[in-house]
mmCIF file of all heavy atoms, coordinates in Angstrom:
data_MODEL
# 
_entry.id   MODEL 
# 
loop_
_atom_site.group_PDB 
_atom_site.id 
_atom_site.type_symbol 
_atom_site.label_atom_id 
_atom_site.label_alt_id 
_atom_site.label_comp_id 
_atom_site.label_asym_id 
_atom_site.label_entity_id 
_atom_site.label_seq_id 
_atom_site.pdbx_PDB_ins_code 
_atom_site.Cartn_x 
_atom_site.Cartn_y 
_atom_site.Cartn_z 
_atom_site.occupancy 
_atom_site.B_iso_or_equiv 
_atom_site.pdbx_formal_charge 
_atom_site.auth_seq_id 
_atom_site.auth_comp_id 
_atom_site.auth_asym_id 
_atom_site.auth_atom_id 
_atom_site.pdbx_PDB_model_num 
ATOM 1   N N   . GLU A 1 1  ? -3.041  3.232  9.706  1.00 0.00 ? 1  GLU A N   1 
ATOM 2   C CA  . GLU A 1 1  ? -2.601  4.650  9.689  1.00 0.00 ? 1  GLU A CA  1 
ATOM 3   C C   . GLU A 1 1  ? -2.530  5.199  8.259  1.00 0.00 ? 1  GLU A C   1 
ATOM 4   O O   . GLU A 1 1  ? -2.439  4.419  7.300  1.00 0.00 ? 1  GLU A O   1 
ATOM 5   C CB  . GLU A 1 1  ? -1.236  4.791  10.335 1.00 0.00 ? 1  GLU A CB  1 
ATOM 6   C CG  . GLU A 1 1  ? -0.076  4.131  9.497  1.00 0.00 ? 1  GLU A CG  1 
ATOM 7   C CD  . GLU A 1 1  ? 1.199   4.438  10.231 1.00 0.00 ? 1  GLU A CD  1 
ATOM 8   O OE1 . GLU A 1 1  ? 1.796   5.536  10.127 1.00 0.00 ? 1  GLU A OE1 1 
ATOM 9   O OE2 . GLU A 1 1  ? 1.837   3.410  10.682 1.00 0.00 ? 1  GLU A OE2 1 
ATOM 10  N N   . THR A 1 2  ? -2.668  6.516  8.206  1.00 0.00 ? 2  THR A N   1 
ATOM 11  C CA  . THR A 1 2  ? -2.543  7.222  6.953  1.00 0.00 ? 2  THR A CA  1 
ATOM 12  C C   . THR A 1 2  ? -1.672  8.421  7.322  1.00 0.00 ? 2  THR A C   1 
ATOM 13  O O   . THR A 1 2  ? -1.223  8.595  8.491  1.00 0.00 ? 2  THR A O   1 
ATOM 14  C CB  . THR A 1 2  ? -3.867  7.759  6.365  1.00 0.00 ? 2  THR A CB  1 
ATOM 15  O OG1 . THR A 1 2  ? -4.402  8.752  7.202  1.00 0.00 ? 2  THR A OG1 1 
ATOM 16  C CG2 . THR A 1 2  ? -4.819  6.602  6.188  1.00 0.00 ? 2  THR A CG2 1 
ATOM 17  N N   . ASP A 1 3  ? -1.449  9.348  6.380  1.00 0.00 ? 3  ASP A N   1 
ATOM 18  C CA  . ASP A 1 3  ? -0.725  10.557 6.752  1.00 0.00 ? 3  ASP A CA  1 
ATOM 19  C C   . ASP A 1 3  ? -1.625  11.553 7.514  1.00 0.00 ? 3  ASP A C   1 
ATOM 20  O O   . ASP A 1 3  ? -1.134  12.585 7.989  1.00 0.00 ? 3  ASP A O   1 
ATOM 21  C CB  . ASP A 1 3  ? -0.135  11.233 5.470  1.00 0.00 ? 3  ASP A CB  1 
ATOM 22  C CG  . ASP A 1 3  ? -1.174  11.608 4.425  1.00 0.00 ? 3  ASP A CG  1 
ATOM 23  O OD1 . ASP A 1 3  ? -2.312  11.126 4.566  1.00 0.00 ? 3  ASP A OD1 1 
ATOM 24  O OD2 . ASP A 1 3  ? -0.822  12.483 3.620  1.00 0.00 ? 3  ASP A OD2 1 
ATOM 25  N N   . LYS A 1 4  ? -2.952  11.231 7.694  1.00 0.00 ? 4  LYS A N   1 
ATOM 26  C CA  . LYS A 1 4  ? -3.930  12.159 8.351  1.00 0.00 ? 4  LYS A CA  1 
ATOM 27  C C   . LYS A 1 4  ? -4.465  11.580 9.638  1.00 0.00 ? 4  LYS A C   1 
ATOM 28  O O   . LYS A 1 4  ? -5.130  12.242 10.352 1.00 0.00 ? 4  LYS A O   1 
ATOM 29  C CB  . LYS A 1 4  ? -5.071  12.446 7.396  1.00 0.00 ? 4  LYS A CB  1 
ATOM 30  C CG  . LYS A 1 4  ? -4.640  13.158 6.158  1.00 0.00 ? 4  LYS A CG  1 
ATOM 31  C CD  . LYS A 1 4  ? -4.191  14.588 6.402  1.00 0.00 ? 4  LYS A CD  1 
ATOM 32  C CE  . LYS A 1 4  ? -3.797  15.265 5.205  1.00 0.00 ? 4  LYS A CE  1 
ATOM 33  N NZ  . LYS A 1 4  ? -2.928  16.408 5.379  1.00 0.00 ? 4  LYS A NZ  1 
ATOM 34  N N   . ALA A 1 5  ? -4.205  10.280 9.919  1.00 0.00 ? 5  ALA A N   1 
ATOM 35  C CA  . ALA A 1 5  ? -4.796  9.666  11.141 1.00 0.00 ? 5  ALA A CA  1 
ATOM 36  C C   . ALA A 1 5  ? -4.068  8.370  11.469 1.00 0.00 ? 5  ALA A C   1 
ATOM 37  O O   . ALA A 1 5  ? -3.426  7.772  10.593 1.00 0.00 ? 5  ALA A O   1 
ATOM 38  C CB  . ALA A 1 5  ? -6.303  9.437  10.946 1.00 0.00 ? 5  ALA A CB  1 
ATOM 39  N N   . VAL A 1 6  ? -4.148  8.043  12.739 1.00 0.00 ? 6  VAL A N   1 
ATOM 40  C CA  . VAL A 1 6  ? -3.588  6.752  13.201 1.00 0.00 ? 6  VAL A CA  1 
ATOM 41  C C   . VAL A 1 6  ? -4.546  6.135  14.283 1.00 0.00 ? 6  VAL A C   1 
ATOM 42  O O   . VAL A 1 6  ? -5.085  6.882  15.045 1.00 0.00 ? 6  VAL A O   1 
ATOM 43  C CB  . VAL A 1 6  ? -2.173  6.929  13.750 1.00 0.00 ? 6  VAL A CB  1 
ATOM 44  C CG1 . VAL A 1 6  ? -2.024  7.872  14.929 1.00 0.00 ? 6  VAL A CG1 1 
ATOM 45  C CG2 . VAL A 1 6  ? -1.534  5.553  14.007 1.00 0.00 ? 6  VAL A CG2 1 
ATOM 46  N N   . ILE A 1 7  ? -4.701  4.827  14.102 1.00 0.00 ? 7  ILE A N   1 
ATOM 47  C CA  . ILE A 1 7  ? -5.553  4.128  15.100 1.00 0.00 ? 7  ILE A CA  1 
ATOM 48  C C   . ILE A 1 7  ? -4.619  3.434  16.119 1.00 0.00 ? 7  ILE A C   1 
ATOM 49  O O   . ILE A 1 7  ? -3.703  2.828  15.717 1.00 0.00 ? 7  ILE A O   1 
ATOM 50  C CB  . ILE A 1 7  ? -6.429  3.154  14.457 1.00 0.00 ? 7  ILE A CB  1 
ATOM 51  C CG1 . ILE A 1 7  ? -7.481  3.826  13.525 1.00 0.00 ? 7  ILE A CG1 1 
ATOM 52  C CG2 . ILE A 1 7  ? -7.164  2.221  15.501 1.00 0.00 ? 7  ILE A CG2 1 
ATOM 53  C CD1 . ILE A 1 7  ? -8.369  2.936  12.743 1.00 0.00 ? 7  ILE A CD1 1 
ATOM 54  N N   . LEU A 1 8  ? -4.946  3.537  17.355 1.00 0.00 ? 8  LEU A N   1 
ATOM 55  C CA  . LEU A 1 8  ? -4.142  3.096  18.453 1.00 0.00 ? 8  LEU A CA  1 
ATOM 56  C C   . LEU A 1 8  ? -4.913  2.156  19.431 1.00 0.00 ? 8  LEU A C   1 
ATOM 57  O O   . LEU A 1 8  ? -6.122  2.570  19.699 1.00 0.00 ? 8  LEU A O   1 
ATOM 58  C CB  . LEU A 1 8  ? -3.502  4.223  19.209 1.00 0.00 ? 8  LEU A CB  1 
ATOM 59  C CG  . LEU A 1 8  ? -2.753  5.240  18.438 1.00 0.00 ? 8  LEU A CG  1 
ATOM 60  C CD1 . LEU A 1 8  ? -2.633  6.580  19.135 1.00 0.00 ? 8  LEU A CD1 1 
ATOM 61  C CD2 . LEU A 1 8  ? -1.328  4.710  18.113 1.00 0.00 ? 8  LEU A CD2 1 
ATOM 62  N N   . ASN A 1 9  ? -4.364  1.171  19.951 1.00 0.00 ? 9  ASN A N   1 
ATOM 63  C CA  . ASN A 1 9  ? -4.987  0.283  20.876 1.00 0.00 ? 9  ASN A CA  1 
ATOM 64  C C   . ASN A 1 9  ? -4.384  0.619  22.240 1.00 0.00 ? 9  ASN A C   1 
ATOM 65  O O   . ASN A 1 9  ? -3.207  0.308  22.510 1.00 0.00 ? 9  ASN A O   1 
ATOM 66  C CB  . ASN A 1 9  ? -4.692  -1.253 20.530 1.00 0.00 ? 9  ASN A CB  1 
ATOM 67  C CG  . ASN A 1 9  ? -5.311  -2.206 21.495 1.00 0.00 ? 9  ASN A CG  1 
ATOM 68  O OD1 . ASN A 1 9  ? -5.565  -1.792 22.699 1.00 0.00 ? 9  ASN A OD1 1 
ATOM 69  N ND2 . ASN A 1 9  ? -5.416  -3.457 21.151 1.00 0.00 ? 9  ASN A ND2 1 
ATOM 70  N N   . LEU A 1 10 ? -5.161  1.233  23.047 1.00 0.00 ? 10 LEU A N   1 
ATOM 71  C CA  . LEU A 1 10 ? -4.740  1.603  24.430 1.00 0.00 ? 10 LEU A CA  1 
ATOM 72  C C   . LEU A 1 10 ? -5.423  0.660  25.383 1.00 0.00 ? 10 LEU A C   1 
ATOM 73  O O   . LEU A 1 10 ? -6.684  0.859  25.728 1.00 0.00 ? 10 LEU A O   1 
ATOM 74  C CB  . LEU A 1 10 ? -5.031  3.053  24.647 1.00 0.00 ? 10 LEU A CB  1 
ATOM 75  C CG  . LEU A 1 10 ? -4.679  3.541  26.095 1.00 0.00 ? 10 LEU A CG  1 
ATOM 76  C CD1 . LEU A 1 10 ? -3.210  3.576  26.331 1.00 0.00 ? 10 LEU A CD1 1 
ATOM 77  C CD2 . LEU A 1 10 ? -5.251  4.956  26.333 1.00 0.00 ? 10 LEU A CD2 1 
ATOM 78  N N   . TYR A 1 11 ? -4.829  -0.394 25.819 1.00 0.00 ? 11 TYR A N   1 
ATOM 79  C CA  . TYR A 1 11 ? -5.358  -1.342 26.796 1.00 0.00 ? 11 TYR A CA  1 
ATOM 80  C C   . TYR A 1 11 ? -6.631  -1.872 26.276 1.00 0.00 ? 11 TYR A C   1 
ATOM 81  O O   . TYR A 1 11 ? -7.666  -1.928 27.032 1.00 0.00 ? 11 TYR A O   1 
ATOM 82  C CB  . TYR A 1 11 ? -5.424  -0.771 28.202 1.00 0.00 ? 11 TYR A CB  1 
ATOM 83  C CG  . TYR A 1 11 ? -4.105  -0.395 28.758 1.00 0.00 ? 11 TYR A CG  1 
ATOM 84  C CD1 . TYR A 1 11 ? -3.581  0.919  28.706 1.00 0.00 ? 11 TYR A CD1 1 
ATOM 85  C CD2 . TYR A 1 11 ? -3.229  -1.399 29.257 1.00 0.00 ? 11 TYR A CD2 1 
ATOM 86  C CE1 . TYR A 1 11 ? -2.313  1.218  29.172 1.00 0.00 ? 11 TYR A CE1 1 
ATOM 87  C CE2 . TYR A 1 11 ? -2.015  -1.169 29.719 1.00 0.00 ? 11 TYR A CE2 1 
ATOM 88  C CZ  . TYR A 1 11 ? -1.513  0.213  29.649 1.00 0.00 ? 11 TYR A CZ  1 
ATOM 89  O OH  . TYR A 1 11 ? -0.232  0.469  30.158 1.00 0.00 ? 11 TYR A OH  1 
ATOM 90  N N   . GLY A 1 12 ? -6.767  -2.190 25.013 1.00 0.00 ? 12 GLY A N   1 
ATOM 91  C CA  . GLY A 1 12 ? -7.993  -2.723 24.465 1.00 0.00 ? 12 GLY A CA  1 
ATOM 92  C C   . GLY A 1 12 ? -9.033  -1.837 23.957 1.00 0.00 ? 12 GLY A C   1 
ATOM 93  O O   . GLY A 1 12 ? -10.167 -2.143 23.638 1.00 0.00 ? 12 GLY A O   1 
ATOM 94  N N   . HIS A 1 13 ? -8.718  -0.565 24.066 1.00 0.00 ? 13 HIS A N   1 
ATOM 95  C CA  . HIS A 1 13 ? -9.678  0.524  23.619 1.00 0.00 ? 13 HIS A CA  1 
ATOM 96  C C   . HIS A 1 13 ? -9.151  1.243  22.414 1.00 0.00 ? 13 HIS A C   1 
ATOM 97  O O   . HIS A 1 13 ? -7.934  1.416  22.286 1.00 0.00 ? 13 HIS A O   1 
ATOM 98  C CB  . HIS A 1 13 ? -9.978  1.451  24.772 1.00 0.00 ? 13 HIS A CB  1 
ATOM 99  C CG  . HIS A 1 13 ? -10.539 0.737  25.956 1.00 0.00 ? 13 HIS A CG  1 
ATOM 100 N ND1 . HIS A 1 13 ? -11.860 0.306  25.991 1.00 0.00 ? 13 HIS A ND1 1 
ATOM 101 C CD2 . HIS A 1 13 ? -9.966  0.318  27.067 1.00 0.00 ? 13 HIS A CD2 1 
ATOM 102 C CE1 . HIS A 1 13 ? -12.045 -0.339 27.108 1.00 0.00 ? 13 HIS A CE1 1 
ATOM 103 N NE2 . HIS A 1 13 ? -10.912 -0.333 27.761 1.00 0.00 ? 13 HIS A NE2 1 
ATOM 104 N N   . GLN A 1 14 ? -9.995  1.746  21.546 1.00 0.00 ? 14 GLN A N   1 
ATOM 105 C CA  . GLN A 1 14 ? -9.609  2.343  20.325 1.00 0.00 ? 14 GLN A CA  1 
ATOM 106 C C   . GLN A 1 14 ? -9.535  3.868  20.452 1.00 0.00 ? 14 GLN A C   1 
ATOM 107 O O   . GLN A 1 14 ? -10.447 4.540  20.678 1.00 0.00 ? 14 GLN A O   1 
ATOM 108 C CB  . GLN A 1 14 ? -10.683 2.067  19.230 1.00 0.00 ? 14 GLN A CB  1 
ATOM 109 C CG  . GLN A 1 14 ? -10.210 2.518  17.798 1.00 0.00 ? 14 GLN A CG  1 
ATOM 110 C CD  . GLN A 1 14 ? -11.322 2.474  16.801 1.00 0.00 ? 14 GLN A CD  1 
ATOM 111 O OE1 . GLN A 1 14 ? -12.382 3.023  17.026 1.00 0.00 ? 14 GLN A OE1 1 
ATOM 112 N NE2 . GLN A 1 14 ? -11.034 1.763  15.720 1.00 0.00 ? 14 GLN A NE2 1 
ATOM 113 N N   . LEU A 1 15 ? -8.271  4.323  20.168 1.00 0.00 ? 15 LEU A N   1 
ATOM 114 C CA  . LEU A 1 15 ? -7.993  5.744  20.077 1.00 0.00 ? 15 LEU A CA  1 
ATOM 115 C C   . LEU A 1 15 ? -7.734  6.063  18.599 1.00 0.00 ? 15 LEU A C   1 
ATOM 116 O O   . LEU A 1 15 ? -6.962  5.263  17.957 1.00 0.00 ? 15 LEU A O   1 
ATOM 117 C CB  . LEU A 1 15 ? -6.717  6.180  20.909 1.00 0.00 ? 15 LEU A CB  1 
ATOM 118 C CG  . LEU A 1 15 ? -6.757  5.849  22.356 1.00 0.00 ? 15 LEU A CG  1 
ATOM 119 C CD1 . LEU A 1 15 ? -5.405  6.380  22.954 1.00 0.00 ? 15 LEU A CD1 1 
ATOM 120 C CD2 . LEU A 1 15 ? -7.865  6.453  23.105 1.00 0.00 ? 15 LEU A CD2 1 
ATOM 121 N N   . VAL A 1 16 ? -8.333  7.155  18.113 1.00 0.00 ? 16 VAL A N   1 
ATOM 122 C CA  . VAL A 1 16 ? -7.980  7.605  16.725 1.00 0.00 ? 16 VAL A CA  1 
ATOM 123 C C   . VAL A 1 16 ? -7.514  9.013  16.830 1.00 0.00 ? 16 VAL A C   1 
ATOM 124 O O   . VAL A 1 16 ? -8.190  9.893  17.219 1.00 0.00 ? 16 VAL A O   1 
ATOM 125 C CB  . VAL A 1 16 ? -9.259  7.473  15.877 1.00 0.00 ? 16 VAL A CB  1 
ATOM 126 C CG1 . VAL A 1 16 ? -8.800  7.801  14.408 1.00 0.00 ? 16 VAL A CG1 1 
ATOM 127 C CG2 . VAL A 1 16 ? -9.732  6.046  15.937 1.00 0.00 ? 16 VAL A CG2 1 
ATOM 128 N N   . ALA A 1 17 ? -6.184  9.197  16.436 1.00 0.00 ? 17 ALA A N   1 
ATOM 129 C CA  . ALA A 1 17 ? -5.594  10.468 16.499 1.00 0.00 ? 17 ALA A CA  1 
ATOM 130 C C   . ALA A 1 17 ? -5.680  11.094 15.071 1.00 0.00 ? 17 ALA A C   1 
ATOM 131 O O   . ALA A 1 17 ? -5.167  10.472 14.085 1.00 0.00 ? 17 ALA A O   1 
ATOM 132 C CB  . ALA A 1 17 ? -4.147  10.321 16.889 1.00 0.00 ? 17 ALA A CB  1 
ATOM 133 N N   . HIS A 1 18 ? -6.362  12.188 14.898 1.00 0.00 ? 18 HIS A N   1 
ATOM 134 C CA  . HIS A 1 18 ? -6.545  12.843 13.599 1.00 0.00 ? 18 HIS A CA  1 
ATOM 135 C C   . HIS A 1 18 ? -5.712  14.081 13.504 1.00 0.00 ? 18 HIS A C   1 
ATOM 136 O O   . HIS A 1 18 ? -5.723  14.910 14.378 1.00 0.00 ? 18 HIS A O   1 
ATOM 137 C CB  . HIS A 1 18 ? -8.022  13.204 13.523 1.00 0.00 ? 18 HIS A CB  1 
ATOM 138 C CG  . HIS A 1 18 ? -8.976  12.125 13.418 1.00 0.00 ? 18 HIS A CG  1 
ATOM 139 N ND1 . HIS A 1 18 ? -9.165  11.483 12.206 1.00 0.00 ? 18 HIS A ND1 1 
ATOM 140 C CD2 . HIS A 1 18 ? -9.677  11.455 14.313 1.00 0.00 ? 18 HIS A CD2 1 
ATOM 141 C CE1 . HIS A 1 18 ? -10.058 10.464 12.464 1.00 0.00 ? 18 HIS A CE1 1 
ATOM 142 N NE2 . HIS A 1 18 ? -10.386 10.431 13.691 1.00 0.00 ? 18 HIS A NE2 1 
ATOM 143 N N   . VAL A 1 19 ? -4.985  14.238 12.401 1.00 0.00 ? 19 VAL A N   1 
ATOM 144 C CA  . VAL A 1 19 ? -4.166  15.380 12.109 1.00 0.00 ? 19 VAL A CA  1 
ATOM 145 C C   . VAL A 1 19 ? -5.065  16.556 11.842 1.00 0.00 ? 19 VAL A C   1 
ATOM 146 O O   . VAL A 1 19 ? -6.072  16.388 11.005 1.00 0.00 ? 19 VAL A O   1 
ATOM 147 C CB  . VAL A 1 19 ? -3.202  15.122 10.967 1.00 0.00 ? 19 VAL A CB  1 
ATOM 148 C CG1 . VAL A 1 19 ? -2.447  16.403 10.523 1.00 0.00 ? 19 VAL A CG1 1 
ATOM 149 C CG2 . VAL A 1 19 ? -2.222  13.987 11.250 1.00 0.00 ? 19 VAL A CG2 1 
ATOM 150 N N   . THR A 1 20 ? -4.740  17.694 12.447 1.00 0.00 ? 20 THR A N   1 
ATOM 151 C CA  . THR A 1 20 ? -5.505  18.864 12.148 1.00 0.00 ? 20 THR A CA  1 
ATOM 152 C C   . THR A 1 20 ? -4.446  20.027 12.058 1.00 0.00 ? 20 THR A C   1 
ATOM 153 O O   . THR A 1 20 ? -3.474  20.010 12.790 1.00 0.00 ? 20 THR A O   1 
ATOM 154 C CB  . THR A 1 20 ? -6.544  19.209 13.236 1.00 0.00 ? 20 THR A CB  1 
ATOM 155 O OG1 . THR A 1 20 ? -7.186  20.448 12.889 1.00 0.00 ? 20 THR A OG1 1 
ATOM 156 C CG2 . THR A 1 20 ? -6.009  19.404 14.622 1.00 0.00 ? 20 THR A CG2 1 
ATOM 157 N N   . SER A 1 21 ? -4.811  21.043 11.214 1.00 0.00 ? 21 SER A N   1 
ATOM 158 C CA  . SER A 1 21 ? -3.852  22.183 11.193 1.00 0.00 ? 21 SER A CA  1 
ATOM 159 C C   . SER A 1 21 ? -4.534  23.332 12.059 1.00 0.00 ? 21 SER A C   1 
ATOM 160 O O   . SER A 1 21 ? -3.913  24.366 12.212 1.00 0.00 ? 21 SER A O   1 
ATOM 161 C CB  . SER A 1 21 ? -3.725  22.700 9.743  1.00 0.00 ? 21 SER A CB  1 
ATOM 162 O OG  . SER A 1 21 ? -5.037  22.904 9.144  1.00 0.00 ? 21 SER A OG  1 
ATOM 163 N N   . GLU A 1 22 ? -5.721  23.111 12.545 1.00 0.00 ? 22 GLU A N   1 
ATOM 164 C CA  . GLU A 1 22 ? -6.373  24.061 13.418 1.00 0.00 ? 22 GLU A CA  1 
ATOM 165 C C   . GLU A 1 22 ? -5.587  24.181 14.707 1.00 0.00 ? 22 GLU A C   1 
ATOM 166 O O   . GLU A 1 22 ? -5.181  23.186 15.370 1.00 0.00 ? 22 GLU A O   1 
ATOM 167 C CB  . GLU A 1 22 ? -7.705  23.628 13.773 1.00 0.00 ? 22 GLU A CB  1 
ATOM 168 C CG  . GLU A 1 22 ? -8.657  23.361 12.669 1.00 0.00 ? 22 GLU A CG  1 
ATOM 169 C CD  . GLU A 1 22 ? -9.336  24.660 12.089 1.00 0.00 ? 22 GLU A CD  1 
ATOM 170 O OE1 . GLU A 1 22 ? -9.557  25.513 13.001 1.00 0.00 ? 22 GLU A OE1 1 
ATOM 171 O OE2 . GLU A 1 22 ? -9.531  24.814 10.965 1.00 0.00 ? 22 GLU A OE2 1 
ATOM 172 N N   . PRO A 1 23 ? -5.319  25.376 15.083 1.00 0.00 ? 23 PRO A N   1 
ATOM 173 C CA  . PRO A 1 23 ? -4.543  25.555 16.429 1.00 0.00 ? 23 PRO A CA  1 
ATOM 174 C C   . PRO A 1 23 ? -5.526  25.000 17.585 1.00 0.00 ? 23 PRO A C   1 
ATOM 175 O O   . PRO A 1 23 ? -6.702  25.346 17.596 1.00 0.00 ? 23 PRO A O   1 
ATOM 176 C CB  . PRO A 1 23 ? -4.377  27.038 16.516 1.00 0.00 ? 23 PRO A CB  1 
ATOM 177 C CG  . PRO A 1 23 ? -5.171  27.688 15.464 1.00 0.00 ? 23 PRO A CG  1 
ATOM 178 C CD  . PRO A 1 23 ? -5.567  26.686 14.481 1.00 0.00 ? 23 PRO A CD  1 
ATOM 179 N N   . GLN A 1 24 ? -4.918  24.296 18.466 1.00 0.00 ? 24 GLN A N   1 
ATOM 180 C CA  . GLN A 1 24 ? -5.674  23.798 19.545 1.00 0.00 ? 24 GLN A CA  1 
ATOM 181 C C   . GLN A 1 24 ? -5.466  24.717 20.791 1.00 0.00 ? 24 GLN A C   1 
ATOM 182 O O   . GLN A 1 24 ? -4.396  25.166 20.998 1.00 0.00 ? 24 GLN A O   1 
ATOM 183 C CB  . GLN A 1 24 ? -5.173  22.384 19.881 1.00 0.00 ? 24 GLN A CB  1 
ATOM 184 C CG  . GLN A 1 24 ? -5.317  21.303 18.823 1.00 0.00 ? 24 GLN A CG  1 
ATOM 185 C CD  . GLN A 1 24 ? -6.769  21.252 18.404 1.00 0.00 ? 24 GLN A CD  1 
ATOM 186 O OE1 . GLN A 1 24 ? -7.681  20.968 19.265 1.00 0.00 ? 24 GLN A OE1 1 
ATOM 187 N NE2 . GLN A 1 24 ? -7.086  21.390 17.124 1.00 0.00 ? 24 GLN A NE2 1 
ATOM 188 N N   . PRO A 1 25 ? -6.592  24.922 21.516 1.00 0.00 ? 25 PRO A N   1 
ATOM 189 C CA  . PRO A 1 25 ? -6.476  25.752 22.689 1.00 0.00 ? 25 PRO A CA  1 
ATOM 190 C C   . PRO A 1 25 ? -5.513  25.132 23.707 1.00 0.00 ? 25 PRO A C   1 
ATOM 191 O O   . PRO A 1 25 ? -5.551  23.877 23.896 1.00 0.00 ? 25 PRO A O   1 
ATOM 192 C CB  . PRO A 1 25 ? -7.887  25.835 23.233 1.00 0.00 ? 25 PRO A CB  1 
ATOM 193 C CG  . PRO A 1 25 ? -8.605  24.688 22.661 1.00 0.00 ? 25 PRO A CG  1 
ATOM 194 C CD  . PRO A 1 25 ? -7.929  24.380 21.317 1.00 0.00 ? 25 PRO A CD  1 
ATOM 195 N N   . VAL A 1 26 ? -4.757  25.895 24.361 1.00 0.00 ? 26 VAL A N   1 
ATOM 196 C CA  . VAL A 1 26 ? -3.819  25.468 25.391 1.00 0.00 ? 26 VAL A CA  1 
ATOM 197 C C   . VAL A 1 26 ? -4.685  25.348 26.677 1.00 0.00 ? 26 VAL A C   1 
ATOM 198 O O   . VAL A 1 26 ? -5.227  26.328 27.118 1.00 0.00 ? 26 VAL A O   1 
ATOM 199 C CB  . VAL A 1 26 ? -2.672  26.411 25.543 1.00 0.00 ? 26 VAL A CB  1 
ATOM 200 C CG1 . VAL A 1 26 ? -1.773  25.853 26.782 1.00 0.00 ? 26 VAL A CG1 1 
ATOM 201 C CG2 . VAL A 1 26 ? -1.787  26.434 24.348 1.00 0.00 ? 26 VAL A CG2 1 
ATOM 202 N N   . GLN A 1 27 ? -4.684  24.182 27.240 1.00 0.00 ? 27 GLN A N   1 
ATOM 203 C CA  . GLN A 1 27 ? -5.491  23.932 28.422 1.00 0.00 ? 27 GLN A CA  1 
ATOM 204 C C   . GLN A 1 27 ? -4.574  24.259 29.658 1.00 0.00 ? 27 GLN A C   1 
ATOM 205 O O   . GLN A 1 27 ? -3.462  23.720 29.756 1.00 0.00 ? 27 GLN A O   1 
ATOM 206 C CB  . GLN A 1 27 ? -5.995  22.455 28.499 1.00 0.00 ? 27 GLN A CB  1 
ATOM 207 C CG  . GLN A 1 27 ? -6.860  22.218 29.697 1.00 0.00 ? 27 GLN A CG  1 
ATOM 208 C CD  . GLN A 1 27 ? -7.547  20.867 29.562 1.00 0.00 ? 27 GLN A CD  1 
ATOM 209 O OE1 . GLN A 1 27 ? -8.179  20.571 28.572 1.00 0.00 ? 27 GLN A OE1 1 
ATOM 210 N NE2 . GLN A 1 27 ? -7.371  20.002 30.555 1.00 0.00 ? 27 GLN A NE2 1 
# 
């Protein structure tokens, strides 16, 4: 992890969560 991203193991699969300041559309 850094202050801009974190790597996660979800049941043996790689998720990478990236920090963004861009507003995300609400689904």
